């Protein structure tokens, strides 16, 4: 008997109000490659995961986005570089959890559409 199992997340949608402003933020500030945009949609590549920016078709879908945790190798360096590009951080890099020999660090920021996202780094200690 064959079962359907989720293999991976292929795409995450982020609702936006102003697509042009959002495209600029994700492309120029975060440095994500823009795959293409059409109508009220823009698609970015994020290391095998497609990020979709979309202007909601109705108010039913005009909610804030889920938090996206962007993994980086050096959170302090990435934080500094993005802050210099004008990314608005809510806090500085800080330790979230220590699990064995691994520390998880995060720094939260807002995109141009007021969605909260985070940089995330797992450090072996």
Protein backbone atom coordinates (compact mmCIF):
# COMPACT_ATOMS: atom_id res chain seq x y z
CA UNK A 1 0.00 0.00 0.00
CA UNK A 2 1.52 3.30 -1.11
CA UNK A 3 1.26 6.34 1.14
CA UNK A 4 1.84 9.95 0.27
CA UNK A 5 4.54 11.48 2.41
CA UNK A 6 5.63 15.09 2.45
CA UNK A 7 9.14 15.24 1.06
CA UNK A 8 10.02 18.88 1.62
CA UNK A 9 8.62 22.39 1.58
CA UNK A 10 8.85 23.62 -1.99
CA UNK A 11 7.48 27.14 -1.71
CA UNK A 12 6.52 29.66 0.95
CA UNK A 13 4.19 32.57 0.17
CA UNK A 14 4.60 35.95 1.81
CA UNK A 15 1.74 38.44 1.45
CA UNK A 16 2.78 41.95 0.43
CA UNK A 17 0.99 45.25 -0.15
CA UNK A 18 3.51 46.84 -2.53
CA UNK A 19 5.14 44.26 -4.80
CA UNK A 20 7.78 46.60 -6.26
CA UNK A 21 9.00 47.70 -2.82
CA UNK A 22 9.00 44.11 -1.58
CA UNK A 23 10.93 42.89 -4.65
CA UNK A 24 13.57 45.53 -4.02
CA UNK A 25 13.87 44.51 -0.34
CA UNK A 26 14.21 40.78 -0.94
CA UNK A 27 16.51 41.20 -3.97
CA UNK A 28 18.69 44.17 -3.03
CA UNK A 29 18.74 44.01 0.76
CA UNK A 30 18.53 40.25 1.43
CA UNK A 31 20.35 39.32 -1.77
CA UNK A 32 17.92 36.61 -2.91
CA UNK A 33 17.95 35.84 -6.65
CA UNK A 34 14.73 36.89 -8.39
CA UNK A 35 13.58 34.03 -10.60
CA UNK A 36 10.74 35.97 -12.28
CA UNK A 37 7.73 38.13 -11.59
CA UNK A 38 4.38 38.28 -13.33
CA UNK A 39 1.18 40.17 -12.50
CA UNK A 40 1.03 40.39 -8.68
CA UNK A 41 3.58 37.62 -8.04
CA UNK A 42 7.36 37.49 -7.62
CA UNK A 43 9.38 34.30 -7.18
CA UNK A 44 12.78 34.11 -5.50
CA UNK A 45 15.27 31.26 -5.13
CA UNK A 46 16.40 30.48 -1.61
CA UNK A 47 18.75 27.46 -1.79
CA UNK A 48 16.19 25.02 -3.16
CA UNK A 49 13.14 26.68 -1.61
CA UNK A 50 11.03 29.03 -3.71
CA UNK A 51 9.85 32.18 -1.95
CA UNK A 52 6.70 33.71 -3.44
CA UNK A 53 5.77 37.33 -2.80
CA UNK A 54 2.15 37.98 -3.65
CA UNK A 55 -0.39 40.73 -3.39
CA UNK A 56 -3.39 38.95 -1.81
CA UNK A 57 -6.37 38.47 -4.10
CA UNK A 58 -8.77 39.24 -1.24
CA UNK A 59 -8.76 40.42 2.36
CA UNK A 60 -9.14 36.77 3.43
CA UNK A 61 -5.46 36.29 2.54
CA UNK A 62 -4.12 39.68 3.66
CA UNK A 63 -2.67 38.38 6.93
CA UNK A 64 0.86 38.72 8.20
CA UNK A 65 3.28 36.08 6.98
CA UNK A 66 4.62 33.21 9.02
CA UNK A 67 8.09 33.94 10.36
CA UNK A 68 10.74 32.79 7.88
CA UNK A 69 14.05 31.84 9.46
CA UNK A 70 16.88 32.51 7.00
CA UNK A 71 19.87 30.36 7.89
CA UNK A 72 23.27 32.07 7.76
CA UNK A 73 26.74 30.80 8.66
CA UNK A 74 27.90 33.92 10.56
CA UNK A 75 24.96 35.69 12.19
CA UNK A 76 26.97 38.66 13.46
CA UNK A 77 28.48 39.36 10.03
CA UNK A 78 25.13 38.90 8.25
CA UNK A 79 23.39 41.12 10.82
CA UNK A 80 25.97 43.87 10.29
CA UNK A 81 25.83 43.68 6.48
CA UNK A 82 22.02 43.75 6.36
CA UNK A 83 21.78 46.55 8.93
CA UNK A 84 24.18 48.59 6.75
CA UNK A 85 21.81 47.99 3.81
CA UNK A 86 18.95 49.46 5.86
CA UNK A 87 17.23 46.29 7.09
CA UNK A 88 15.24 47.18 10.23
CA UNK A 89 16.15 44.72 12.99
CA UNK A 90 13.89 44.29 16.00
CA UNK A 91 16.76 42.97 18.11
CA UNK A 92 20.43 42.02 17.91
CA UNK A 93 21.78 38.49 17.46
CA UNK A 94 21.13 36.56 20.64
CA UNK A 95 21.27 33.01 21.95
CA UNK A 96 17.91 31.22 21.73
CA UNK A 97 18.82 27.71 22.82
CA UNK A 98 21.76 25.46 23.57
CA UNK A 99 21.29 21.80 22.66
CA UNK A 100 24.31 19.72 23.49
CA UNK A 101 27.24 21.17 21.55
CA UNK A 102 25.02 23.36 19.33
CA UNK A 103 23.92 26.92 20.05
CA UNK A 104 21.04 28.43 18.08
CA UNK A 105 21.30 32.18 17.60
CA UNK A 106 18.68 34.48 16.03
CA UNK A 107 18.10 38.12 15.12
CA UNK A 108 14.60 39.23 14.08
CA UNK A 109 13.82 41.88 11.47
CA UNK A 110 10.89 43.42 9.57
CA UNK A 111 10.53 43.47 5.81
CA UNK A 112 9.03 46.47 4.00
CA UNK A 113 5.55 44.97 4.43
CA UNK A 114 5.85 44.65 8.25
CA UNK A 115 6.29 40.86 8.13
CA UNK A 116 8.65 39.57 10.83
CA UNK A 117 11.47 37.26 9.76
CA UNK A 118 14.75 36.18 11.32
CA UNK A 119 18.35 35.34 10.68
CA UNK A 120 19.26 32.01 12.24
CA UNK A 121 22.65 30.44 12.88
CA UNK A 122 23.54 27.15 14.49
CA UNK A 123 27.01 27.22 15.98
CA UNK A 124 29.02 24.22 17.17
CA UNK A 125 30.67 24.98 20.52
